């Protein structure tokens, strides 16, 4: 006969096994959602990318033909260059606005809660709605900015800000910063509030000036927060579509076609579904590489003593 110790060990093993099944049942709905709405669509998109897949008719296997076509596609390369240019510019401007705002609202002062709310308010507006709002704001005849500038004597004539690449690009960047800077500010604010006040006070007592405290104390301690905010901003910029589609329709002269916009045109305008799928897989690879960089940035320095 088995001893009490053996019976107890058997019961413990059964409890652990049942606990494992219970845990699996808890995560099963989430796993099912990921499988149905992410894994299977990605696999099907990968399968489509290996075919010449028309809207009507039977798909034809072409192997990696869509991917080789992608390398020599001048318009796709132009879309990549524009997306990279837009990502760099808008990310820099967002941080240049959001970081000072985070430093300002981090301090306890009068009406600070009101300031935080006002700055964050544009975040709750959808990007498509914000784009439509700014199309009206910069309208030559019925808008607000251009007629107001003319009424104040700042300009002699009413320019169409969305008809020229430079002014249209600047308008979109300003709109995106107005829309997103509040979200980035909140992320940076959490990092600032996580810095122990004892460290800041000790640095002040030791004679460190405000810039020295910011350079040698605040920035190093916010490394992980800054990396997170940076990657979120870059990922969102790479996936930019709504603002270009609504505000400029890719113009002027198709100079503002982002990668996602180009995928949209190939898939749902030209109905090159197989090629559009290959472009989507390429964009997914780019985003995976960005995620790898994100993990590296978040883990850099963790092993240092």
C-alpha atoms as a PDB file:
ATOM      1  CA  UNK A   1       0.000   0.000   0.000  1.00  0.00           C
ATOM      2  CA  UNK A   2       1.123   3.496  -0.770  1.00  0.00           C
ATOM      3  CA  UNK A   3       2.165   5.618   2.143  1.00  0.00           C
ATOM      4  CA  UNK A   4       0.580   8.931   3.123  1.00  0.00           C
ATOM      5  CA  UNK A   5       3.449  10.817   1.462  1.00  0.00           C
ATOM      6  CA  UNK A   6       2.839   9.126  -1.884  1.00  0.00           C
ATOM      7  CA  UNK A   7      -0.914   9.762  -1.712  1.00  0.00           C
ATOM      8  CA  UNK A   8      -0.292  13.434  -0.869  1.00  0.00           C
ATOM      9  CA  UNK A   9       2.124  13.808  -3.771  1.00  0.00           C
ATOM     10  CA  UNK A  10      -0.406  12.209  -6.149  1.00  0.00           C
ATOM     11  CA  UNK A  11      -3.106  14.594  -5.000  1.00  0.00           C
ATOM     12  CA  UNK A  12      -0.833  17.574  -5.449  1.00  0.00           C
ATOM     13  CA  UNK A  13       0.000  16.479  -8.997  1.00  0.00           C
ATOM     14  CA  UNK A  14      -3.714  16.169  -9.785  1.00  0.00           C
ATOM     15  CA  UNK A  15      -4.401  19.623  -8.372  1.00  0.00           C
ATOM     16  CA  UNK A  16      -1.588  21.131 -10.468  1.00  0.00           C
ATOM     17  CA  UNK A  17      -2.899  19.367 -13.579  1.00  0.00           C
ATOM     18  CA  UNK A  18      -6.435  20.619 -12.962  1.00  0.00           C
ATOM     19  CA  UNK A  19      -5.120  24.116 -12.260  1.00  0.00           C
ATOM     20  CA  UNK A  20      -3.306  24.049 -15.605  1.00  0.00           C
ATOM     21  CA  UNK A  21      -6.497  23.103 -17.438  1.00  0.00           C
ATOM     22  CA  UNK A  22      -8.406  25.796 -15.588  1.00  0.00           C
ATOM     23  CA  UNK A  23      -5.811  28.374 -16.657  1.00  0.00           C
ATOM     24  CA  UNK A  24      -6.074  27.214 -20.255  1.00  0.00           C
ATOM     25  CA  UNK A  25      -9.862  27.587 -20.159  1.00  0.00           C
ATOM     26  CA  UNK A  26      -9.464  31.150 -18.901  1.00  0.00           C
ATOM     27  CA  UNK A  27      -7.208  32.176 -21.806  1.00  0.00           C
ATOM     28  CA  UNK A  28      -9.035  30.095 -24.445  1.00  0.00           C
ATOM     29  CA  UNK A  29     -11.421  32.927 -25.518  1.00  0.00           C
ATOM     30  CA  UNK A  30      -8.512  35.332 -26.011  1.00  0.00           C
ATOM     31  CA  UNK A  31      -6.551  32.665 -27.904  1.00  0.00           C
ATOM     32  CA  UNK A  32      -9.573  32.025 -30.129  1.00  0.00           C
ATOM     33  CA  UNK A  33      -9.888  35.739 -30.929  1.00  0.00           C
ATOM     34  CA  UNK A  34      -6.169  36.002 -31.775  1.00  0.00           C
ATOM     35  CA  UNK A  35      -6.389  32.865 -33.931  1.00  0.00           C
ATOM     36  CA  UNK A  36      -9.509  33.957 -35.843  1.00  0.00           C
ATOM     37  CA  UNK A  37      -8.755  37.671 -36.247  1.00  0.00           C
ATOM     38  CA  UNK A  38      -4.956  37.664 -36.553  1.00  0.00           C
ATOM     39  CA  UNK A  39      -3.220  34.335 -37.176  1.00  0.00           C
ATOM     40  CA  UNK A  40      -5.612  32.958 -39.803  1.00  0.00           C
ATOM     41  CA  UNK A  41      -5.898  36.282 -41.729  1.00  0.00           C
ATOM     42  CA  UNK A  42      -2.098  36.621 -41.773  1.00  0.00           C
ATOM     43  CA  UNK A  43      -1.708  33.066 -43.063  1.00  0.00           C
ATOM     44  CA  UNK A  44      -4.377  33.625 -45.707  1.00  0.00           C
ATOM     45  CA  UNK A  45      -2.767  36.916 -46.734  1.00  0.00           C
ATOM     46  CA  UNK A  46       0.555  35.122 -47.088  1.00  0.00           C
ATOM     47  CA  UNK A  47      -1.140  32.502 -49.270  1.00  0.00           C
ATOM     48  CA  UNK A  48      -2.765  35.206 -51.402  1.00  0.00           C
ATOM     49  CA  UNK A  49       0.602  36.942 -51.853  1.00  0.00           C
ATOM     50  CA  UNK A  50       1.871  33.888 -53.717  1.00  0.00           C
ATOM     51  CA  UNK A  51      -0.879  34.132 -56.345  1.00  0.00           C
ATOM     52  CA  UNK A  52      -2.088  36.408 -59.059  1.00  0.00           C
ATOM     53  CA  UNK A  53      -5.420  36.926 -57.296  1.00  0.00           C
ATOM     54  CA  UNK A  54      -7.978  38.876 -59.367  1.00  0.00           C
ATOM     55  CA  UNK A  55     -11.250  40.158 -57.965  1.00  0.00           C
ATOM     56  CA  UNK A  56     -13.128  37.892 -60.365  1.00  0.00           C
ATOM     57  CA  UNK A  57     -11.845  34.615 -61.731  1.00  0.00           C
ATOM     58  CA  UNK A  58      -9.543  31.938 -60.414  1.00  0.00           C
ATOM     59  CA  UNK A  59      -6.268  32.733 -58.632  1.00  0.00           C
ATOM     60  CA  UNK A  60      -3.084  31.659 -60.416  1.00  0.00           C
ATOM     61  CA  UNK A  61       0.024  30.489 -58.566  1.00  0.00           C
ATOM     62  CA  UNK A  62       3.061  32.683 -59.283  1.00  0.00           C
ATOM     63  CA  UNK A  63       5.276  31.885 -56.294  1.00  0.00           C
ATOM     64  CA  UNK A  64       7.350  34.873 -55.232  1.00  0.00           C
ATOM     65  CA  UNK A  65       6.500  36.856 -58.353  1.00  0.00           C
ATOM     66  CA  UNK A  66       4.682  39.546 -56.369  1.00  0.00           C
ATOM     67  CA  UNK A  67       7.700  39.997 -54.122  1.00  0.00           C
ATOM     68  CA  UNK A  68      10.141  40.351 -57.012  1.00  0.00           C
ATOM     69  CA  UNK A  69       7.743  42.831 -58.605  1.00  0.00           C
ATOM     70  CA  UNK A  70       7.750  44.789 -55.367  1.00  0.00           C
ATOM     71  CA  UNK A  71      11.509  45.327 -55.498  1.00  0.00           C
ATOM     72  CA  UNK A  72      11.296  46.968 -58.930  1.00  0.00           C
ATOM     73  CA  UNK A  73       8.073  48.899 -58.239  1.00  0.00           C
ATOM     74  CA  UNK A  74       9.062  52.572 -58.468  1.00  0.00           C
ATOM     75  CA  UNK A  75       5.798  53.812 -56.970  1.00  0.00           C
ATOM     76  CA  UNK A  76       6.113  51.488 -53.980  1.00  0.00           C
ATOM     77  CA  UNK A  77       9.657  52.676 -53.351  1.00  0.00           C
ATOM     78  CA  UNK A  78       8.421  56.274 -53.557  1.00  0.00           C
ATOM     79  CA  UNK A  79       5.707  55.429 -51.023  1.00  0.00           C
ATOM     80  CA  UNK A  80       8.342  53.898 -48.729  1.00  0.00           C
ATOM     81  CA  UNK A  81      10.514  57.006 -48.975  1.00  0.00           C
ATOM     82  CA  UNK A  82       7.607  59.335 -48.301  1.00  0.00           C
ATOM     83  CA  UNK A  83       6.430  57.234 -45.344  1.00  0.00           C
ATOM     84  CA  UNK A  84       9.941  57.232 -43.861  1.00  0.00           C
ATOM     85  CA  UNK A  85      10.225  61.000 -44.352  1.00  0.00           C
ATOM     86  CA  UNK A  86       6.814  61.596 -42.783  1.00  0.00           C
ATOM     87  CA  UNK A  87       7.602  59.257 -39.878  1.00  0.00           C
ATOM     88  CA  UNK A  88      10.854  61.029 -39.024  1.00  0.00           C
ATOM     89  CA  UNK A  89       9.374  64.535 -39.241  1.00  0.00           C
ATOM     90  CA  UNK A  90       6.144  63.880 -37.363  1.00  0.00           C
ATOM     91  CA  UNK A  91       7.858  61.859 -34.624  1.00  0.00           C
ATOM     92  CA  UNK A  92      10.396  64.619 -33.959  1.00  0.00           C
ATOM     93  CA  UNK A  93       7.701  67.304 -33.868  1.00  0.00           C
ATOM     94  CA  UNK A  94       5.430  65.242 -31.595  1.00  0.00           C
ATOM     95  CA  UNK A  95       8.225  64.756 -29.067  1.00  0.00           C
ATOM     96  CA  UNK A  96       9.294  68.394 -29.355  1.00  0.00           C
ATOM     97  CA  UNK A  97       5.756  69.387 -28.337  1.00  0.00           C
ATOM     98  CA  UNK A  98       4.798  66.559 -25.961  1.00  0.00           C
ATOM     99  CA  UNK A  99       7.920  66.566 -23.762  1.00  0.00           C
ATOM    100  CA  UNK A 100       7.715  70.249 -22.727  1.00  0.00           C
ATOM    101  CA  UNK A 101       3.987  69.813 -22.136  1.00  0.00           C
ATOM    102  CA  UNK A 102       4.660  66.785 -19.923  1.00  0.00           C
ATOM    103  CA  UNK A 103       7.264  68.735 -17.959  1.00  0.00           C
ATOM    104  CA  UNK A 104       4.809  71.608 -17.528  1.00  0.00           C
ATOM    105  CA  UNK A 105       1.784  69.603 -16.346  1.00  0.00           C
ATOM    106  CA  UNK A 106       3.905  67.290 -14.161  1.00  0.00           C
ATOM    107  CA  UNK A 107       4.283  70.004 -11.532  1.00  0.00           C
ATOM    108  CA  UNK A 108       1.435  70.588  -9.102  1.00  0.00           C
ATOM    109  CA  UNK A 109       0.153  74.047  -9.924  1.00  0.00           C
ATOM    110  CA  UNK A 110      -3.147  75.852 -10.181  1.00  0.00           C
ATOM    111  CA  UNK A 111      -5.505  74.477 -12.887  1.00  0.00           C
ATOM    112  CA  UNK A 112      -3.045  71.723 -13.832  1.00  0.00           C
ATOM    113  CA  UNK A 113      -5.909  69.215 -14.117  1.00  0.00           C
ATOM    114  CA  UNK A 114      -7.687  71.553 -16.529  1.00  0.00           C
ATOM    115  CA  UNK A 115      -4.532  71.922 -18.632  1.00  0.00           C
ATOM    116  CA  UNK A 116      -4.071  68.147 -18.809  1.00  0.00           C
ATOM    117  CA  UNK A 117      -7.678  67.676 -19.915  1.00  0.00           C
ATOM    118  CA  UNK A 118      -7.516  70.366 -22.611  1.00  0.00           C
ATOM    119  CA  UNK A 119      -4.253  69.013 -24.019  1.00  0.00           C
ATOM    120  CA  UNK A 120      -5.506  65.422 -24.009  1.00  0.00           C
ATOM    121  CA  UNK A 121      -8.957  66.242 -25.419  1.00  0.00           C
ATOM    122  CA  UNK A 122      -8.026  65.956 -29.155  1.00  0.00           C
ATOM    123  CA  UNK A 123      -6.899  62.361 -28.541  1.00  0.00           C
ATOM    124  CA  UNK A 124     -10.506  61.219 -28.091  1.00  0.00           C
ATOM    125  CA  UNK A 125     -11.384  62.537 -31.563  1.00  0.00           C
ATOM    126  CA  UNK A 126     -11.071  59.911 -34.284  1.00  0.00           C
ATOM    127  CA  UNK A 127      -8.335  60.491 -36.847  1.00  0.00           C
ATOM    128  CA  UNK A 128     -10.818  60.504 -39.723  1.00  0.00           C
ATOM    129  CA  UNK A 129     -12.985  63.036 -37.883  1.00  0.00           C
ATOM    130  CA  UNK A 130      -9.956  65.187 -37.099  1.00  0.00           C
ATOM    131  CA  UNK A 131      -8.919  65.081 -40.761  1.00  0.00           C
ATOM    132  CA  UNK A 132     -12.363  66.220 -41.886  1.00  0.00           C
ATOM    133  CA  UNK A 133     -12.318  68.977 -39.266  1.00  0.00           C
ATOM    134  CA  UNK A 134      -8.981  70.284 -40.518  1.00  0.00           C
ATOM    135  CA  UNK A 135     -10.119  70.121 -44.145  1.00  0.00           C
ATOM    136  CA  UNK A 136     -12.805  72.605 -43.137  1.00  0.00           C
ATOM    137  CA  UNK A 137     -10.441  74.708 -40.993  1.00  0.00           C
ATOM    138  CA  UNK A 138      -8.007  75.261 -43.896  1.00  0.00           C
ATOM    139  CA  UNK A 139     -10.676  75.672 -46.562  1.00  0.00           C
ATOM    140  CA  UNK A 140     -10.023  78.754 -48.690  1.00  0.00           C
ATOM    141  CA  UNK A 141     -13.580  80.102 -48.668  1.00  0.00           C
ATOM    142  CA  UNK A 142     -15.556  78.644 -45.757  1.00  0.00           C
ATOM    143  CA  UNK A 143     -12.715  77.690 -43.422  1.00  0.00           C
ATOM    144  CA  UNK A 144     -11.271  79.518 -40.436  1.00  0.00           C
ATOM    145  CA  UNK A 145      -7.484  79.843 -40.684  1.00  0.00           C
ATOM    146  CA  UNK A 146      -7.104  81.349 -44.159  1.00  0.00           C
ATOM    147  CA  UNK A 147      -9.967  83.898 -43.947  1.00  0.00           C
ATOM    148  CA  UNK A 148      -8.855  84.843 -40.414  1.00  0.00           C
ATOM    149  CA  UNK A 149      -5.263  85.378 -41.551  1.00  0.00           C
ATOM    150  CA  UNK A 150      -6.467  87.581 -44.408  1.00  0.00           C
ATOM    151  CA  UNK A 151      -8.746  89.562 -42.092  1.00  0.00           C
ATOM    152  CA  UNK A 152      -5.804  90.205 -39.764  1.00  0.00           C
ATOM    153  CA  UNK A 153      -3.701  91.428 -42.666  1.00  0.00           C
ATOM    154  CA  UNK A 154      -1.196  88.578 -42.429  1.00  0.00           C
ATOM    155  CA  UNK A 155      -1.724  87.542 -46.069  1.00  0.00           C
ATOM    156  CA  UNK A 156      -2.863  89.399 -49.189  1.00  0.00           C
ATOM    157  CA  UNK A 157      -4.598  86.530 -50.939  1.00  0.00           C
ATOM    158  CA  UNK A 158      -6.166  83.277 -49.845  1.00  0.00           C
ATOM    159  CA  UNK A 159      -3.866  80.336 -50.670  1.00  0.00           C
ATOM    160  CA  UNK A 160      -5.116  76.762 -50.875  1.00  0.00           C
ATOM    161  CA  UNK A 161      -2.949  75.129 -48.234  1.00  0.00           C
ATOM    162  CA  UNK A 162      -3.712  71.626 -49.487  1.00  0.00           C
ATOM    163  CA  UNK A 163      -2.816  72.335 -53.133  1.00  0.00           C
ATOM    164  CA  UNK A 164       0.956  72.566 -52.628  1.00  0.00           C
ATOM    165  CA  UNK A 165       3.111  69.755 -51.242  1.00  0.00           C
ATOM    166  CA  UNK A 166       4.995  71.820 -48.661  1.00  0.00           C
ATOM    167  CA  UNK A 167       1.957  73.561 -47.192  1.00  0.00           C
ATOM    168  CA  UNK A 168      -0.178  70.404 -47.367  1.00  0.00           C
ATOM    169  CA  UNK A 169       2.520  68.359 -45.641  1.00  0.00           C
ATOM    170  CA  UNK A 170       2.941  71.022 -42.947  1.00  0.00           C
ATOM    171  CA  UNK A 171      -0.832  71.162 -42.430  1.00  0.00           C
ATOM    172  CA  UNK A 172      -1.048  67.398 -41.988  1.00  0.00           C
ATOM    173  CA  UNK A 173       1.890  67.386 -39.579  1.00  0.00           C
ATOM    174  CA  UNK A 174       0.286  70.133 -37.480  1.00  0.00           C
ATOM    175  CA  UNK A 175      -3.029  68.246 -37.460  1.00  0.00           C
ATOM    176  CA  UNK A 176      -1.365  64.986 -36.379  1.00  0.00           C
ATOM    177  CA  UNK A 177       0.629  66.741 -33.651  1.00  0.00           C
ATOM    178  CA  UNK A 178      -2.563  68.438 -32.401  1.00  0.00           C
ATOM    179  CA  UNK A 179      -4.264  65.027 -32.389  1.00  0.00           C
ATOM    180  CA  UNK A 180      -1.481  62.819 -30.952  1.00  0.00           C
ATOM    181  CA  UNK A 181       0.736  65.030 -28.772  1.00  0.00           C
ATOM    182  CA  UNK A 182      -1.634  64.727 -25.806  1.00  0.00           C
ATOM    183  CA  UNK A 183      -1.359  60.933 -25.843  1.00  0.00           C
ATOM    184  CA  UNK A 184       2.432  61.057 -25.997  1.00  0.00           C
ATOM    185  CA  UNK A 185       2.378  63.654 -23.214  1.00  0.00           C
ATOM    186  CA  UNK A 186       0.460  61.259 -20.934  1.00  0.00           C
ATOM    187  CA  UNK A 187       2.970  58.466 -21.564  1.00  0.00           C
ATOM    188  CA  UNK A 188       5.892  60.772 -20.783  1.00  0.00           C
ATOM    189  CA  UNK A 189       4.035  62.144 -17.764  1.00  0.00           C
ATOM    190  CA  UNK A 190       3.804  58.664 -16.249  1.00  0.00           C
ATOM    191  CA  UNK A 191       7.561  58.325 -16.628  1.00  0.00           C
ATOM    192  CA  UNK A 192       8.185  61.692 -14.993  1.00  0.00           C
ATOM    193  CA  UNK A 193       5.914  60.866 -12.071  1.00  0.00           C
ATOM    194  CA  UNK A 194       7.713  57.550 -11.548  1.00  0.00           C
ATOM    195  CA  UNK A 195      11.006  59.328 -10.800  1.00  0.00           C
ATOM    196  CA  UNK A 196      11.483  59.382  -7.000  1.00  0.00           C
ATOM    197  CA  UNK A 197      11.280  62.922  -5.690  1.00  0.00           C
ATOM    198  CA  UNK A 198      14.119  62.109  -3.275  1.00  0.00           C
ATOM    199  CA  UNK A 199      16.545  61.817  -6.192  1.00  0.00           C
ATOM    200  CA  UNK A 200      15.516  65.160  -7.652  1.00  0.00           C
ATOM    201  CA  UNK A 201      15.730  66.841  -4.264  1.00  0.00           C
ATOM    202  CA  UNK A 202      19.157  65.317  -3.567  1.00  0.00           C
ATOM    203  CA  UNK A 203      20.454  66.551  -6.925  1.00  0.00           C
ATOM    204  CA  UNK A 204      19.101  70.028  -6.198  1.00  0.00           C
ATOM    205  CA  UNK A 205      20.792  70.065  -2.781  1.00  0.00           C
ATOM    206  CA  UNK A 206      24.075  68.963  -4.379  1.00  0.00           C
ATOM    207  CA  UNK A 207      23.945  72.056  -6.587  1.00  0.00           C
ATOM    208  CA  UNK A 208      22.788  70.499  -9.872  1.00  0.00           C
ATOM    209  CA  UNK A 209      21.131  73.049 -12.104  1.00  0.00           C
ATOM    210  CA  UNK A 210      17.821  72.475 -13.847  1.00  0.00           C
ATOM    211  CA  UNK A 211      19.450  71.435 -17.163  1.00  0.00           C
ATOM    212  CA  UNK A 212      21.912  69.154 -15.363  1.00  0.00           C
ATOM    213  CA  UNK A 213      19.075  67.467 -13.476  1.00  0.00           C
ATOM    214  CA  UNK A 214      17.199  66.993 -16.736  1.00  0.00           C
ATOM    215  CA  UNK A 215      20.241  65.728 -18.666  1.00  0.00           C
ATOM    216  CA  UNK A 216      21.792  63.408 -16.085  1.00  0.00           C
ATOM    217  CA  UNK A 217      18.786  62.379 -13.981  1.00  0.00           C
ATOM    218  CA  UNK A 218      15.457  62.733 -15.786  1.00  0.00           C
ATOM    219  CA  UNK A 219      16.454  61.464 -19.234  1.00  0.00           C
ATOM    220  CA  UNK A 220      18.314  58.311 -18.034  1.00  0.00           C
ATOM    221  CA  UNK A 221      15.486  57.341 -15.685  1.00  0.00           C
ATOM    222  CA  UNK A 222      12.910  57.854 -18.453  1.00  0.00           C
ATOM    223  CA  UNK A 223      14.754  55.752 -21.019  1.00  0.00           C
ATOM    224  CA  UNK A 224      12.147  52.967 -21.059  1.00  0.00           C
ATOM    225  CA  UNK A 225       9.229  55.401 -21.167  1.00  0.00           C
ATOM    226  CA  UNK A 226      10.773  57.405 -24.004  1.00  0.00           C
ATOM    227  CA  UNK A 227      11.490  54.214 -25.945  1.00  0.00           C
ATOM    228  CA  UNK A 228       7.881  53.075 -25.550  1.00  0.00           C
ATOM    229  CA  UNK A 229       6.460  56.434 -26.652  1.00  0.00           C
ATOM    230  CA  UNK A 230       8.918  56.566 -29.555  1.00  0.00           C
ATOM    231  CA  UNK A 231       7.970  53.157 -30.910  1.00  0.00           C
ATOM    232  CA  UNK A 232       4.241  53.849 -30.561  1.00  0.00           C
ATOM    233  CA  UNK A 233       4.700  57.082 -32.510  1.00  0.00           C
ATOM    234  CA  UNK A 234       6.811  55.429 -35.208  1.00  0.00           C
ATOM    235  CA  UNK A 235       4.397  52.513 -35.622  1.00  0.00           C
ATOM    236  CA  UNK A 236       1.421  54.837 -35.933  1.00  0.00           C
ATOM    237  CA  UNK A 237       3.261  56.974 -38.481  1.00  0.00           C
ATOM    238  CA  UNK A 238       4.231  53.966 -40.610  1.00  0.00           C
ATOM    239  CA  UNK A 239       0.556  52.943 -40.700  1.00  0.00           C
ATOM    240  CA  UNK A 240      -0.638  56.456 -41.612  1.00  0.00           C
ATOM    241  CA  UNK A 241      -3.510  56.457 -44.090  1.00  0.00           C
ATOM    242  CA  UNK A 242      -6.615  58.424 -43.030  1.00  0.00           C
ATOM    243  CA  UNK A 243      -5.076  61.894 -43.092  1.00  0.00           C
ATOM    244  CA  UNK A 244      -3.608  61.473 -46.577  1.00  0.00           C
ATOM    245  CA  UNK A 245      -6.734  59.857 -48.005  1.00  0.00           C
ATOM    246  CA  UNK A 246      -9.166  62.416 -46.560  1.00  0.00           C
ATOM    247  CA  UNK A 247      -7.172  65.652 -46.666  1.00  0.00           C
ATOM    248  CA  UNK A 248      -5.245  65.380 -49.954  1.00  0.00           C
ATOM    249  CA  UNK A 249      -6.335  62.131 -51.675  1.00  0.00           C
ATOM    250  CA  UNK A 250      -2.632  61.382 -52.041  1.00  0.00           C
ATOM    251  CA  UNK A 251      -1.904  64.646 -53.819  1.00  0.00           C
ATOM    252  CA  UNK A 252      -0.731  66.962 -54.971  1.00  0.00           C
ATOM    253  CA  UNK A 253       0.502  64.910 -57.944  1.00  0.00           C
ATOM    254  CA  UNK A 254       0.487  61.687 -55.899  1.00  0.00           C
ATOM    255  CA  UNK A 255       3.365  62.974 -53.793  1.00  0.00           C
ATOM    256  CA  UNK A 256       1.662  62.035 -50.512  1.00  0.00           C
ATOM    257  CA  UNK A 257       1.012  58.347 -51.084  1.00  0.00           C
ATOM    258  CA  UNK A 258       1.967  56.429 -47.942  1.00  0.00           C
ATOM    259  CA  UNK A 259       2.656  52.694 -47.880  1.00  0.00           C
ATOM    260  CA  UNK A 260      -0.784  51.849 -46.496  1.00  0.00           C
ATOM    261  CA  UNK A 261      -2.378  54.182 -49.059  1.00  0.00           C
ATOM    262  CA  UNK A 262      -0.494  52.393 -51.839  1.00  0.00           C
ATOM    263  CA  UNK A 263      -1.633  49.007 -50.505  1.00  0.00           C
ATOM    264  CA  UNK A 264      -5.208  50.336 -50.484  1.00  0.00           C
ATOM    265  CA  UNK A 265      -4.906  51.492 -54.101  1.00  0.00           C
ATOM    266  CA  UNK A 266      -3.465  48.198 -55.282  1.00  0.00           C
ATOM    267  CA  UNK A 267      -5.999  46.081 -53.412  1.00  0.00           C
ATOM    268  CA  UNK A 268      -9.271  48.011 -53.663  1.00  0.00           C
ATOM    269  CA  UNK A 269      -8.804  50.383 -56.609  1.00  0.00           C
ATOM    270  CA  UNK A 270      -6.736  48.342 -59.066  1.00  0.00           C
ATOM    271  CA  UNK A 271      -7.973  45.042 -57.552  1.00  0.00           C
ATOM    272  CA  UNK A 272      -4.499  43.493 -57.607  1.00  0.00           C
ATOM    273  CA  UNK A 273      -5.357  41.502 -54.500  1.00  0.00           C
ATOM    274  CA  UNK A 274      -2.350  39.196 -54.656  1.00  0.00           C
ATOM    275  CA  UNK A 275       0.090  42.067 -55.020  1.00  0.00           C
ATOM    276  CA  UNK A 276      -1.695  44.004 -52.299  1.00  0.00           C
ATOM    277  CA  UNK A 277      -1.337  40.975 -50.022  1.00  0.00           C
ATOM    278  CA  UNK A 278       2.408  40.809 -50.745  1.00  0.00           C
ATOM    279  CA  UNK A 279       2.743  44.505 -49.909  1.00  0.00           C
ATOM    280  CA  UNK A 280       0.864  43.874 -46.646  1.00  0.00           C
ATOM    281  CA  UNK A 281       3.244  41.065 -45.714  1.00  0.00           C
ATOM    282  CA  UNK A 282       6.205  43.347 -46.432  1.00  0.00           C
ATOM    283  CA  UNK A 283       4.693  46.032 -44.191  1.00  0.00           C
ATOM    284  CA  UNK A 284       4.139  43.415 -41.483  1.00  0.00           C
ATOM    285  CA  UNK A 285       7.823  42.488 -41.652  1.00  0.00           C
ATOM    286  CA  UNK A 286       8.744  46.166 -41.256  1.00  0.00           C
ATOM    287  CA  UNK A 287       6.507  46.451 -38.197  1.00  0.00           C
ATOM    288  CA  UNK A 288       7.970  43.256 -36.709  1.00  0.00           C
ATOM    289  CA  UNK A 289      11.456  44.709 -37.107  1.00  0.00           C
ATOM    290  CA  UNK A 290      10.260  47.885 -35.373  1.00  0.00           C
ATOM    291  CA  UNK A 291       8.885  45.734 -32.542  1.00  0.00           C
ATOM    292  CA  UNK A 292      12.237  43.976 -32.214  1.00  0.00           C
ATOM    293  CA  UNK A 293      13.929  47.363 -31.940  1.00  0.00           C
ATOM    294  CA  UNK A 294      11.340  48.299 -29.326  1.00  0.00           C
ATOM    295  CA  UNK A 295      12.163  45.260 -27.204  1.00  0.00           C
ATOM    296  CA  UNK A 296      15.870  45.986 -27.551  1.00  0.00           C
ATOM    297  CA  UNK A 297      15.429  49.604 -26.515  1.00  0.00           C
ATOM    298  CA  UNK A 298      13.319  48.607 -23.537  1.00  0.00           C
ATOM    299  CA  UNK A 299      15.822  45.985 -22.365  1.00  0.00           C
ATOM    300  CA  UNK A 300      19.058  47.850 -23.045  1.00  0.00           C
ATOM    301  CA  UNK A 301      20.891  48.486 -19.845  1.00  0.00           C
ATOM    302  CA  UNK A 302      18.776  46.116 -17.723  1.00  0.00           C
ATOM    303  CA  UNK A 303      21.745  43.830 -17.114  1.00  0.00           C
ATOM    304  CA  UNK A 304      24.006  46.661 -16.046  1.00  0.00           C
ATOM    305  CA  UNK A 305      24.826  46.762 -12.353  1.00  0.00           C
END
